[in-house]
């Protein structure tokens, strides 16, 4: 799901994995977003380098509990996101994550 509010684009891919990302890459013009909700809780089965390149977000957010049994977000995904210069925020580390959009500008806040 891609949402645009006052010109700010946000992309949510749910639990889409690499195969689904490859299909979405067939229409890369629909992927660019300012904010990306990392796929599958930051799993290594999602969030591939080509997909992140197409989305090209300023910030990524993942939803995962601290010390969850799946190890989300996976270290290689966190590293990949950081290597691309994308700011990463997650519920495990930051608590609640809020994006406020006003007058076409967005700000991200966290609250533990």
PDB file of N, CA and C in Angstrom:
ATOM      1  N   UNK A   1       0.856  -1.161   0.000  1.00  0.00           N
ATOM      2  CA  UNK A   1       0.000   0.000   0.000  1.00  0.00           C
ATOM      3  C   UNK A   1       0.907   1.231   0.000  1.00  0.00           C
ATOM      4  N   UNK A   2       0.632   2.135  -0.897  1.00  0.00           N
ATOM      5  CA  UNK A   2       1.365   3.397  -0.954  1.00  0.00           C
ATOM      6  C   UNK A   2       0.367   4.507  -0.672  1.00  0.00           C
ATOM      7  N   UNK A   3       0.700   5.336   0.292  1.00  0.00           N
ATOM      8  CA  UNK A   3      -0.184   6.423   0.700  1.00  0.00           C
ATOM      9  C   UNK A   3       0.539   7.739   0.465  1.00  0.00           C
ATOM     10  N   UNK A   4      -0.193   8.714  -0.056  1.00  0.00           N
ATOM     11  CA  UNK A   4       0.368  10.050  -0.208  1.00  0.00           C
ATOM     12  C   UNK A   4      -0.531  11.036   0.519  1.00  0.00           C
ATOM     13  N   UNK A   5       0.080  11.808   1.406  1.00  0.00           N
ATOM     14  CA  UNK A   5      -0.627  12.827   2.176  1.00  0.00           C
ATOM     15  C   UNK A   5       0.145  14.129   2.008  1.00  0.00           C
ATOM     16  N   UNK A   6      -0.499  15.123   1.458  1.00  0.00           N
ATOM     17  CA  UNK A   6       0.120  16.439   1.250  1.00  0.00           C
ATOM     18  C   UNK A   6       1.473  16.318   0.550  1.00  0.00           C
ATOM     19  N   UNK A   7       1.577  15.373  -0.393  1.00  0.00           N
ATOM     20  CA  UNK A   7       2.804  15.197  -1.146  1.00  0.00           C
ATOM     21  C   UNK A   7       3.852  14.317  -0.494  1.00  0.00           C
ATOM     22  N   UNK A   8       3.589  13.855   0.712  1.00  0.00           N
ATOM     23  CA  UNK A   8       4.508  12.955   1.418  1.00  0.00           C
ATOM     24  C   UNK A   8       4.078  11.521   1.134  1.00  0.00           C
ATOM     25  N   UNK A   9       5.003  10.718   0.595  1.00  0.00           N
ATOM     26  CA  UNK A   9       4.684   9.339   0.232  1.00  0.00           C
ATOM     27  C   UNK A   9       5.184   8.367   1.301  1.00  0.00           C
ATOM     28  N   UNK A  10       4.319   7.395   1.611  1.00  0.00           N
ATOM     29  CA  UNK A  10       4.657   6.338   2.560  1.00  0.00           C
ATOM     30  C   UNK A  10       4.322   4.999   1.918  1.00  0.00           C
ATOM     31  N   UNK A  11       5.218   4.018   2.066  1.00  0.00           N
ATOM     32  CA  UNK A  11       5.024   2.704   1.474  1.00  0.00           C
ATOM     33  C   UNK A  11       4.986   1.643   2.572  1.00  0.00           C
ATOM     34  N   UNK A  12       3.942   0.821   2.518  1.00  0.00           N
ATOM     35  CA  UNK A  12       3.741  -0.274   3.464  1.00  0.00           C
ATOM     36  C   UNK A  12       3.612  -1.567   2.659  1.00  0.00           C
ATOM     37  N   UNK A  13       4.516  -2.523   2.847  1.00  0.00           N
ATOM     38  CA  UNK A  13       4.466  -3.756   2.059  1.00  0.00           C
ATOM     39  C   UNK A  13       4.031  -4.961   2.872  1.00  0.00           C
ATOM     40  N   UNK A  14       3.676  -4.765   4.114  1.00  0.00           N
ATOM     41  CA  UNK A  14       3.213  -5.883   4.937  1.00  0.00           C
ATOM     42  C   UNK A  14       4.280  -6.959   5.037  1.00  0.00           C
ATOM     43  N   UNK A  15       3.889  -8.204   4.857  1.00  0.00           N
ATOM     44  CA  UNK A  15       4.816  -9.333   4.943  1.00  0.00           C
ATOM     45  C   UNK A  15       5.307  -9.784   3.574  1.00  0.00           C
ATOM     46  N   UNK A  16       5.264  -8.887   2.592  1.00  0.00           N
ATOM     47  CA  UNK A  16       5.757  -9.227   1.252  1.00  0.00           C
ATOM     48  C   UNK A  16       7.222  -9.634   1.339  1.00  0.00           C
ATOM     49  N   UNK A  17       7.541 -10.745   0.687  1.00  0.00           N
ATOM     50  CA  UNK A  17       8.914 -11.236   0.695  1.00  0.00           C
ATOM     51  C   UNK A  17       9.573 -10.949  -0.650  1.00  0.00           C
ATOM     52  N   UNK A  18      10.770 -11.473  -0.861  1.00  0.00           N
ATOM     53  CA  UNK A  18      11.580 -11.145  -2.023  1.00  0.00           C
ATOM     54  C   UNK A  18      10.847 -11.341  -3.348  1.00  0.00           C
ATOM     55  N   UNK A  19      10.111 -12.435  -3.502  1.00  0.00           N
ATOM     56  CA  UNK A  19       9.376 -12.670  -4.760  1.00  0.00           C
ATOM     57  C   UNK A  19       8.371 -11.551  -5.034  1.00  0.00           C
ATOM     58  N   UNK A  20       7.660 -11.138  -4.007  1.00  0.00           N
ATOM     59  CA  UNK A  20       6.684 -10.061  -4.168  1.00  0.00           C
ATOM     60  C   UNK A  20       7.392  -8.738  -4.456  1.00  0.00           C
ATOM     61  N   UNK A  21       8.533  -8.508  -3.807  1.00  0.00           N
ATOM     62  CA  UNK A  21       9.289  -7.294  -4.091  1.00  0.00           C
ATOM     63  C   UNK A  21       9.733  -7.269  -5.552  1.00  0.00           C
ATOM     64  N   UNK A  22      10.175  -8.416  -6.074  1.00  0.00           N
ATOM     65  CA  UNK A  22      10.583  -8.492  -7.477  1.00  0.00           C
ATOM     66  C   UNK A  22       9.416  -8.137  -8.404  1.00  0.00           C
ATOM     67  N   UNK A  23       8.225  -8.595  -8.061  1.00  0.00           N
ATOM     68  CA  UNK A  23       7.049  -8.244  -8.867  1.00  0.00           C
ATOM     69  C   UNK A  23       6.773  -6.743  -8.793  1.00  0.00           C
ATOM     70  N   UNK A  24       6.882  -6.177  -7.595  1.00  0.00           N
ATOM     71  CA  UNK A  24       6.646  -4.736  -7.440  1.00  0.00           C
ATOM     72  C   UNK A  24       7.684  -3.920  -8.197  1.00  0.00           C
ATOM     73  N   UNK A  25       8.894  -4.449  -8.335  1.00  0.00           N
ATOM     74  CA  UNK A  25       9.959  -3.748  -9.057  1.00  0.00           C
ATOM     75  C   UNK A  25       9.660  -3.617 -10.552  1.00  0.00           C
ATOM     76  N   UNK A  26       8.641  -4.319 -11.038  1.00  0.00           N
ATOM     77  CA  UNK A  26       8.236  -4.181 -12.433  1.00  0.00           C
ATOM     78  C   UNK A  26       7.631  -2.807 -12.688  1.00  0.00           C
ATOM     79  N   UNK A  27       7.205  -2.126 -11.636  1.00  0.00           N
ATOM     80  CA  UNK A  27       6.655  -0.775 -11.738  1.00  0.00           C
ATOM     81  C   UNK A  27       7.342   0.121 -10.703  1.00  0.00           C
ATOM     82  N   UNK A  28       8.643   0.372 -10.880  1.00  0.00           N
ATOM     83  CA  UNK A  28       9.407   1.097  -9.855  1.00  0.00           C
ATOM     84  C   UNK A  28       8.905   2.507  -9.596  1.00  0.00           C
ATOM     85  N   UNK A  29       8.238   3.123 -10.575  1.00  0.00           N
ATOM     86  CA  UNK A  29       7.727   4.477 -10.375  1.00  0.00           C
ATOM     87  C   UNK A  29       6.659   4.538  -9.290  1.00  0.00           C
ATOM     88  N   UNK A  30       6.098   3.407  -8.933  1.00  0.00           N
ATOM     89  CA  UNK A  30       5.071   3.364  -7.887  1.00  0.00           C
ATOM     90  C   UNK A  30       5.650   3.067  -6.508  1.00  0.00           C
ATOM     91  N   UNK A  31       6.963   2.915  -6.428  1.00  0.00           N
ATOM     92  CA  UNK A  31       7.578   2.497  -5.175  1.00  0.00           C
ATOM     93  C   UNK A  31       8.221   3.630  -4.392  1.00  0.00           C
ATOM     94  N   UNK A  32       8.674   4.674  -5.045  1.00  0.00           N
ATOM     95  CA  UNK A  32       9.401   5.729  -4.342  1.00  0.00           C
ATOM     96  C   UNK A  32       8.561   6.261  -3.201  1.00  0.00           C
ATOM     97  N   UNK A  33       9.196   6.409  -2.050  1.00  0.00           N
ATOM     98  CA  UNK A  33       8.488   6.907  -0.869  1.00  0.00           C
ATOM     99  C   UNK A  33       9.456   7.624   0.050  1.00  0.00           C
ATOM    100  N   UNK A  34       8.945   8.602   0.758  1.00  0.00           N
ATOM    101  CA  UNK A  34       9.748   9.304   1.763  1.00  0.00           C
ATOM    102  C   UNK A  34       9.965   8.424   2.982  1.00  0.00           C
ATOM    103  N   UNK A  35       8.924   7.661   3.325  1.00  0.00           N
ATOM    104  CA  UNK A  35       8.945   6.812   4.515  1.00  0.00           C
ATOM    105  C   UNK A  35       8.552   5.401   4.107  1.00  0.00           C
ATOM    106  N   UNK A  36       9.337   4.432   4.532  1.00  0.00           N
ATOM    107  CA  UNK A  36       9.097   3.032   4.186  1.00  0.00           C
ATOM    108  C   UNK A  36       8.903   2.230   5.461  1.00  0.00           C
ATOM    109  N   UNK A  37       7.792   1.533   5.537  1.00  0.00           N
ATOM    110  CA  UNK A  37       7.586   0.612   6.650  1.00  0.00           C
ATOM    111  C   UNK A  37       8.225  -0.704   6.237  1.00  0.00           C
ATOM    112  N   UNK A  38       9.346  -1.039   6.848  1.00  0.00           N
ATOM    113  CA  UNK A  38      10.140  -2.203   6.449  1.00  0.00           C
ATOM    114  C   UNK A  38       9.280  -3.456   6.400  1.00  0.00           C
ATOM    115  N   UNK A  39       9.473  -4.225   5.334  1.00  0.00           N
ATOM    116  CA  UNK A  39       8.690  -5.426   5.120  1.00  0.00           C
ATOM    117  C   UNK A  39       8.977  -6.517   6.133  1.00  0.00           C
ATOM    118  N   UNK A  40       7.930  -7.238   6.485  1.00  0.00           N
ATOM    119  CA  UNK A  40       8.012  -8.438   7.322  1.00  0.00           C
ATOM    120  C   UNK A  40       8.841  -8.209   8.585  1.00  0.00           C
ATOM    121  N   UNK A  41       8.580  -7.083   9.248  1.00  0.00           N
ATOM    122  CA  UNK A  41       9.184  -6.754  10.544  1.00  0.00           C
ATOM    123  C   UNK A  41      10.702  -6.587  10.462  1.00  0.00           C
ATOM    124  N   UNK A  42      11.212  -6.289   9.259  1.00  0.00           N
ATOM    125  CA  UNK A  42      12.660  -6.147   9.091  1.00  0.00           C
ATOM    126  C   UNK A  42      13.352  -7.461   8.816  1.00  0.00           C
ATOM    127  N   UNK A  43      12.618  -8.425   8.284  1.00  0.00           N
ATOM    128  CA  UNK A  43      13.163  -9.758   8.007  1.00  0.00           C
ATOM    129  C   UNK A  43      14.094  -9.738   6.802  1.00  0.00           C
ATOM    130  N   UNK A  44      15.062 -10.665   6.810  1.00  0.00           N
ATOM    131  CA  UNK A  44      15.970 -10.816   5.677  1.00  0.00           C
ATOM    132  C   UNK A  44      15.280 -11.446   4.474  1.00  0.00           C
ATOM    133  N   UNK A  45      14.064 -11.955   4.644  1.00  0.00           N
ATOM    134  CA  UNK A  45      13.301 -12.486   3.511  1.00  0.00           C
ATOM    135  C   UNK A  45      12.644 -11.365   2.715  1.00  0.00           C
ATOM    136  N   UNK A  46      12.779 -10.148   3.192  1.00  0.00           N
ATOM    137  CA  UNK A  46      12.233  -8.940   2.564  1.00  0.00           C
ATOM    138  C   UNK A  46      13.322  -7.876   2.570  1.00  0.00           C
ATOM    139  N   UNK A  47      12.981  -6.691   2.100  1.00  0.00           N
ATOM    140  CA  UNK A  47      13.886  -5.548   2.211  1.00  0.00           C
ATOM    141  C   UNK A  47      15.193  -5.754   1.446  1.00  0.00           C
ATOM    142  N   UNK A  48      15.075  -6.264   0.224  1.00  0.00           N
ATOM    143  CA  UNK A  48      16.255  -6.516  -0.592  1.00  0.00           C
ATOM    144  C   UNK A  48      16.891  -5.190  -1.031  1.00  0.00           C
ATOM    145  N   UNK A  49      18.167  -5.243  -1.370  1.00  0.00           N
ATOM    146  CA  UNK A  49      18.880  -4.042  -1.802  1.00  0.00           C
ATOM    147  C   UNK A  49      18.228  -3.390  -3.024  1.00  0.00           C
ATOM    148  N   UNK A  50      17.873  -4.164  -4.082  1.00  0.00           N
ATOM    149  CA  UNK A  50      17.231  -3.512  -5.231  1.00  0.00           C
ATOM    150  C   UNK A  50      15.901  -2.848  -4.862  1.00  0.00           C
ATOM    151  N   UNK A  51      15.164  -3.460  -3.946  1.00  0.00           N
ATOM    152  CA  UNK A  51      13.884  -2.885  -3.543  1.00  0.00           C
ATOM    153  C   UNK A  51      14.106  -1.579  -2.782  1.00  0.00           C
ATOM    154  N   UNK A  52      15.054  -1.590  -1.853  1.00  0.00           N
ATOM    155  CA  UNK A  52      15.353  -0.368  -1.103  1.00  0.00           C
ATOM    156  C   UNK A  52      15.850   0.734  -2.032  1.00  0.00           C
ATOM    157  N   UNK A  53      16.631   0.365  -3.051  1.00  0.00           N
ATOM    158  CA  UNK A  53      17.090   1.357  -4.022  1.00  0.00           C
ATOM    159  C   UNK A  53      15.915   1.994  -4.744  1.00  0.00           C
ATOM    160  N   UNK A  54      14.915   1.209  -5.109  1.00  0.00           N
ATOM    161  CA  UNK A  54      13.746   1.727  -5.820  1.00  0.00           C
ATOM    162  C   UNK A  54      12.888   2.610  -4.916  1.00  0.00           C
ATOM    163  N   UNK A  55      12.728   2.205  -3.676  1.00  0.00           N
ATOM    164  CA  UNK A  55      11.914   2.990  -2.736  1.00  0.00           C
ATOM    165  C   UNK A  55      12.646   4.287  -2.385  1.00  0.00           C
ATOM    166  N   UNK A  56      13.940   4.181  -2.126  1.00  0.00           N
ATOM    167  CA  UNK A  56      14.792   5.336  -1.836  1.00  0.00           C
ATOM    168  C   UNK A  56      14.214   6.237  -0.745  1.00  0.00           C
ATOM    169  N   UNK A  57      13.884   5.663   0.414  1.00  0.00           N
ATOM    170  CA  UNK A  57      13.273   6.466   1.469  1.00  0.00           C
ATOM    171  C   UNK A  57      14.297   7.278   2.264  1.00  0.00           C
ATOM    172  N   UNK A  58      13.808   8.295   2.922  1.00  0.00           N
ATOM    173  CA  UNK A  58      14.637   9.026   3.884  1.00  0.00           C
ATOM    174  C   UNK A  58      14.648   8.301   5.222  1.00  0.00           C
ATOM    175  N   UNK A  59      13.524   7.658   5.557  1.00  0.00           N
ATOM    176  CA  UNK A  59      13.397   6.951   6.830  1.00  0.00           C
ATOM    177  C   UNK A  59      12.695   5.617   6.624  1.00  0.00           C
ATOM    178  N   UNK A  60      13.091   4.641   7.418  1.00  0.00           N
ATOM    179  CA  UNK A  60      12.427   3.340   7.437  1.00  0.00           C
ATOM    180  C   UNK A  60      12.001   3.053   8.869  1.00  0.00           C
ATOM    181  N   UNK A  61      10.878   2.372   8.984  1.00  0.00           N
ATOM    182  CA  UNK A  61      10.324   2.015  10.291  1.00  0.00           C
ATOM    183  C   UNK A  61      10.039   0.524  10.282  1.00  0.00           C
ATOM    184  N   UNK A  62      10.387  -0.163  11.357  1.00  0.00           N
ATOM    185  CA  UNK A  62      10.002  -1.568  11.487  1.00  0.00           C
ATOM    186  C   UNK A  62       9.171  -1.736  12.748  1.00  0.00           C
ATOM    187  N   UNK A  63       8.310  -2.730  12.735  1.00  0.00           N
ATOM    188  CA  UNK A  63       7.490  -3.071  13.892  1.00  0.00           C
ATOM    189  C   UNK A  63       7.911  -4.452  14.374  1.00  0.00           C
ATOM    190  N   UNK A  64       8.456  -4.507  15.567  1.00  0.00           N
ATOM    191  CA  UNK A  64       8.866  -5.789  16.147  1.00  0.00           C
ATOM    192  C   UNK A  64       9.040  -5.603  17.648  1.00  0.00           C
ATOM    193  N   UNK A  65       8.720  -6.640  18.392  1.00  0.00           N
ATOM    194  CA  UNK A  65       8.917  -6.598  19.826  1.00  0.00           C
ATOM    195  C   UNK A  65      10.383  -6.771  20.172  1.00  0.00           C
ATOM    196  N   UNK A  66      10.800  -6.191  21.275  1.00  0.00           N
ATOM    197  CA  UNK A  66      12.179  -6.348  21.739  1.00  0.00           C
ATOM    198  C   UNK A  66      12.453  -7.817  22.035  1.00  0.00           C
ATOM    199  N   UNK A  67      13.614  -8.292  21.636  1.00  0.00           N
ATOM    200  CA  UNK A  67      14.045  -9.672  21.890  1.00  0.00           C
ATOM    201  C   UNK A  67      13.022 -10.699  21.417  1.00  0.00           C
ATOM    202  N   UNK A  68      12.386 -10.445  20.263  1.00  0.00           N
ATOM    203  CA  UNK A  68      11.388 -11.383  19.753  1.00  0.00           C
ATOM    204  C   UNK A  68      12.047 -12.669  19.277  1.00  0.00           C
ATOM    205  N   UNK A  69      11.306 -13.746  19.255  1.00  0.00           N
ATOM    206  CA  UNK A  69      11.842 -15.074  18.951  1.00  0.00           C
ATOM    207  C   UNK A  69      12.340 -15.216  17.514  1.00  0.00           C
ATOM    208  N   UNK A  70      11.956 -14.288  16.619  1.00  0.00           N
ATOM    209  CA  UNK A  70      12.384 -14.361  15.219  1.00  0.00           C
ATOM    210  C   UNK A  70      13.656 -13.561  14.953  1.00  0.00           C
ATOM    211  N   UNK A  71      14.079 -12.784  15.928  1.00  0.00           N
ATOM    212  CA  UNK A  71      15.273 -11.967  15.757  1.00  0.00           C
ATOM    213  C   UNK A  71      15.071 -10.751  14.878  1.00  0.00           C
ATOM    214  N   UNK A  72      13.806 -10.313  14.715  1.00  0.00           N
ATOM    215  CA  UNK A  72      13.517  -9.133  13.896  1.00  0.00           C
ATOM    216  C   UNK A  72      13.857  -7.854  14.648  1.00  0.00           C
ATOM    217  N   UNK A  73      14.392  -6.885  13.972  1.00  0.00           N
ATOM    218  CA  UNK A  73      14.814  -6.905  12.575  1.00  0.00           C
ATOM    219  C   UNK A  73      16.135  -7.664  12.443  1.00  0.00           C
ATOM    220  N   UNK A  74      16.332  -8.312  11.316  1.00  0.00           N
ATOM    221  CA  UNK A  74      17.561  -9.067  11.105  1.00  0.00           C
ATOM    222  C   UNK A  74      18.741  -8.113  10.886  1.00  0.00           C
ATOM    223  N   UNK A  75      19.895  -8.518  11.437  1.00  0.00           N
ATOM    224  CA  UNK A  75      21.080  -7.668  11.386  1.00  0.00           C
ATOM    225  C   UNK A  75      21.444  -7.234   9.971  1.00  0.00           C
ATOM    226  N   UNK A  76      21.338  -8.151   8.997  1.00  0.00           N
ATOM    227  CA  UNK A  76      21.727  -7.797   7.635  1.00  0.00           C
ATOM    228  C   UNK A  76      20.812  -6.735   7.029  1.00  0.00           C
ATOM    229  N   UNK A  77      19.563  -6.710   7.455  1.00  0.00           N
ATOM    230  CA  UNK A  77      18.640  -5.691   6.965  1.00  0.00           C
ATOM    231  C   UNK A  77      18.967  -4.343   7.606  1.00  0.00           C
ATOM    232  N   UNK A  78      19.222  -4.347   8.898  1.00  0.00           N
ATOM    233  CA  UNK A  78      19.605  -3.114   9.594  1.00  0.00           C
ATOM    234  C   UNK A  78      20.863  -2.539   8.947  1.00  0.00           C
ATOM    235  N   UNK A  79      21.844  -3.395   8.694  1.00  0.00           N
ATOM    236  CA  UNK A  79      23.094  -2.954   8.066  1.00  0.00           C
ATOM    237  C   UNK A  79      22.843  -2.400   6.661  1.00  0.00           C
ATOM    238  N   UNK A  80      22.017  -3.103   5.894  1.00  0.00           N
ATOM    239  CA  UNK A  80      21.695  -2.665   4.530  1.00  0.00           C
ATOM    240  C   UNK A  80      21.033  -1.283   4.539  1.00  0.00           C
ATOM    241  N   UNK A  81      20.111  -1.084   5.448  1.00  0.00           N
ATOM    242  CA  UNK A  81      19.407   0.195   5.551  1.00  0.00           C
ATOM    243  C   UNK A  81      20.382   1.304   5.939  1.00  0.00           C
ATOM    244  N   UNK A  82      21.227   1.033   6.924  1.00  0.00           N
ATOM    245  CA  UNK A  82      22.199   2.040   7.350  1.00  0.00           C
ATOM    246  C   UNK A  82      23.209   2.352   6.253  1.00  0.00           C
ATOM    247  N   UNK A  83      23.664   1.333   5.521  1.00  0.00           N
ATOM    248  CA  UNK A  83      24.616   1.546   4.423  1.00  0.00           C
ATOM    249  C   UNK A  83      24.047   2.459   3.345  1.00  0.00           C
ATOM    250  N   UNK A  84      22.747   2.448   3.174  1.00  0.00           N
ATOM    251  CA  UNK A  84      22.093   3.278   2.160  1.00  0.00           C
ATOM    252  C   UNK A  84      21.784   4.679   2.695  1.00  0.00           C
ATOM    253  N   UNK A  85      22.177   4.950   3.931  1.00  0.00           N
ATOM    254  CA  UNK A  85      21.972   6.268   4.507  1.00  0.00           C
ATOM    255  C   UNK A  85      20.540   6.548   4.907  1.00  0.00           C
ATOM    256  N   UNK A  86      19.771   5.498   5.130  1.00  0.00           N
ATOM    257  CA  UNK A  86      18.364   5.625   5.521  1.00  0.00           C
ATOM    258  C   UNK A  86      18.283   5.606   7.046  1.00  0.00           C
ATOM    259  N   UNK A  87      17.602   6.571   7.620  1.00  0.00           N
ATOM    260  CA  UNK A  87      17.381   6.575   9.066  1.00  0.00           C
ATOM    261  C   UNK A  87      16.422   5.450   9.415  1.00  0.00           C
ATOM    262  N   UNK A  88      16.738   4.680  10.460  1.00  0.00           N
ATOM    263  CA  UNK A  88      15.917   3.532  10.843  1.00  0.00           C
ATOM    264  C   UNK A  88      15.364   3.722  12.243  1.00  0.00           C
ATOM    265  N   UNK A  89      14.064   3.498  12.355  1.00  0.00           N
ATOM    266  CA  UNK A  89      13.366   3.592  13.630  1.00  0.00           C
ATOM    267  C   UNK A  89      12.541   2.329  13.806  1.00  0.00           C
ATOM    268  N   UNK A  90      12.500   1.812  15.034  1.00  0.00           N
ATOM    269  CA  UNK A  90      11.726   0.607  15.264  1.00  0.00           C
ATOM    270  C   UNK A  90      11.113   0.562  16.636  1.00  0.00           C
ATOM    271  N   UNK A  91      10.025  -0.158  16.718  1.00  0.00           N
ATOM    272  CA  UNK A  91       9.303  -0.252  17.978  1.00  0.00           C
ATOM    273  C   UNK A  91      10.120  -0.967  19.049  1.00  0.00           C
ATOM    274  N   UNK A  92      10.967  -1.918  18.666  1.00  0.00           N
ATOM    275  CA  UNK A  92      11.781  -2.636  19.654  1.00  0.00           C
ATOM    276  C   UNK A  92      12.757  -1.698  20.345  1.00  0.00           C
ATOM    277  N   UNK A  93      13.305  -0.771  19.592  1.00  0.00           N
ATOM    278  CA  UNK A  93      14.317   0.134  20.124  1.00  0.00           C
ATOM    279  C   UNK A  93      13.744   1.471  20.592  1.00  0.00           C
ATOM    280  N   UNK A  94      12.778   2.003  19.853  1.00  0.00           N
ATOM    281  CA  UNK A  94      12.293   3.356  20.104  1.00  0.00           C
ATOM    282  C   UNK A  94      10.901   3.422  20.732  1.00  0.00           C
ATOM    283  N   UNK A  95      10.208   2.317  20.822  1.00  0.00           N
ATOM    284  CA  UNK A  95       8.834   2.354  21.312  1.00  0.00           C
ATOM    285  C   UNK A  95       7.892   2.786  20.201  1.00  0.00           C
ATOM    286  N   UNK A  96       6.906   3.588  20.532  1.00  0.00           N
ATOM    287  CA  UNK A  96       5.946   4.035  19.531  1.00  0.00           C
ATOM    288  C   UNK A  96       6.625   4.991  18.557  1.00  0.00           C
ATOM    289  N   UNK A  97       6.263   4.864  17.290  1.00  0.00           N
ATOM    290  CA  UNK A  97       6.820   5.722  16.248  1.00  0.00           C
ATOM    291  C   UNK A  97       5.666   6.475  15.588  1.00  0.00           C
ATOM    292  N   UNK A  98       5.784   7.794  15.541  1.00  0.00           N
ATOM    293  CA  UNK A  98       4.748   8.645  14.972  1.00  0.00           C
ATOM    294  C   UNK A  98       5.320   9.428  13.809  1.00  0.00           C
ATOM    295  N   UNK A  99       4.536   9.579  12.767  1.00  0.00           N
ATOM    296  CA  UNK A  99       4.877  10.461  11.659  1.00  0.00           C
ATOM    297  C   UNK A  99       3.789  11.527  11.598  1.00  0.00           C
ATOM    298  N   UNK A 100       4.209  12.769  11.732  1.00  0.00           N
ATOM    299  CA  UNK A 100       3.288  13.894  11.674  1.00  0.00           C
ATOM    300  C   UNK A 100       3.532  14.623  10.358  1.00  0.00           C
ATOM    301  N   UNK A 101       2.464  14.807   9.585  1.00  0.00           N
ATOM    302  CA  UNK A 101       2.557  15.507   8.305  1.00  0.00           C
ATOM    303  C   UNK A 101       1.761  16.792   8.417  1.00  0.00           C
ATOM    304  N   UNK A 102       2.428  17.898   8.079  1.00  0.00           N
ATOM    305  CA  UNK A 102       1.758  19.190   8.131  1.00  0.00           C
ATOM    306  C   UNK A 102       2.345  20.088   7.047  1.00  0.00           C
ATOM    307  N   UNK A 103       1.497  20.669   6.248  1.00  0.00           N
ATOM    308  CA  UNK A 103       1.911  21.579   5.179  1.00  0.00           C
ATOM    309  C   UNK A 103       2.942  20.946   4.248  1.00  0.00           C
ATOM    310  N   UNK A 104       2.760  19.662   3.934  1.00  0.00           N
ATOM    311  CA  UNK A 104       3.638  18.984   3.000  1.00  0.00           C
ATOM    312  C   UNK A 104       4.988  18.584   3.559  1.00  0.00           C
ATOM    313  N   UNK A 105       5.194  18.772   4.832  1.00  0.00           N
ATOM    314  CA  UNK A 105       6.437  18.390   5.502  1.00  0.00           C
ATOM    315  C   UNK A 105       6.125  17.307   6.525  1.00  0.00           C
ATOM    316  N   UNK A 106       7.081  16.430   6.785  1.00  0.00           N
ATOM    317  CA  UNK A 106       6.864  15.380   7.764  1.00  0.00           C
ATOM    318  C   UNK A 106       7.953  15.415   8.833  1.00  0.00           C
ATOM    319  N   UNK A 107       7.558  14.999  10.023  1.00  0.00           N
ATOM    320  CA  UNK A 107       8.491  14.829  11.136  1.00  0.00           C
ATOM    321  C   UNK A 107       8.179  13.504  11.792  1.00  0.00           C
ATOM    322  N   UNK A 108       9.205  12.840  12.231  1.00  0.00           N
ATOM    323  CA  UNK A 108       9.045  11.538  12.866  1.00  0.00           C
ATOM    324  C   UNK A 108       9.405  11.697  14.346  1.00  0.00           C
ATOM    325  N   UNK A 109       8.566  11.145  15.204  1.00  0.00           N
ATOM    326  CA  UNK A 109       8.761  11.196  16.654  1.00  0.00           C
ATOM    327  C   UNK A 109       8.694   9.792  17.209  1.00  0.00           C
ATOM    328  N   UNK A 110       9.435   9.561  18.265  1.00  0.00           N
ATOM    329  CA  UNK A 110       9.352   8.273  18.954  1.00  0.00           C
ATOM    330  C   UNK A 110       9.024   8.525  20.416  1.00  0.00           C
ATOM    331  N   UNK A 111       8.421   7.522  21.016  1.00  0.00           N
ATOM    332  CA  UNK A 111       8.044   7.649  22.428  1.00  0.00           C
ATOM    333  C   UNK A 111       8.133   6.289  23.090  1.00  0.00           C
ATOM    334  N   UNK A 112       8.988   6.181  24.016  1.00  0.00           N
ATOM    335  CA  UNK A 112       9.128   4.926  24.759  1.00  0.00           C
ATOM    336  C   UNK A 112       8.395   5.076  26.065  1.00  0.00           C
TER     337      UNK A 112
END
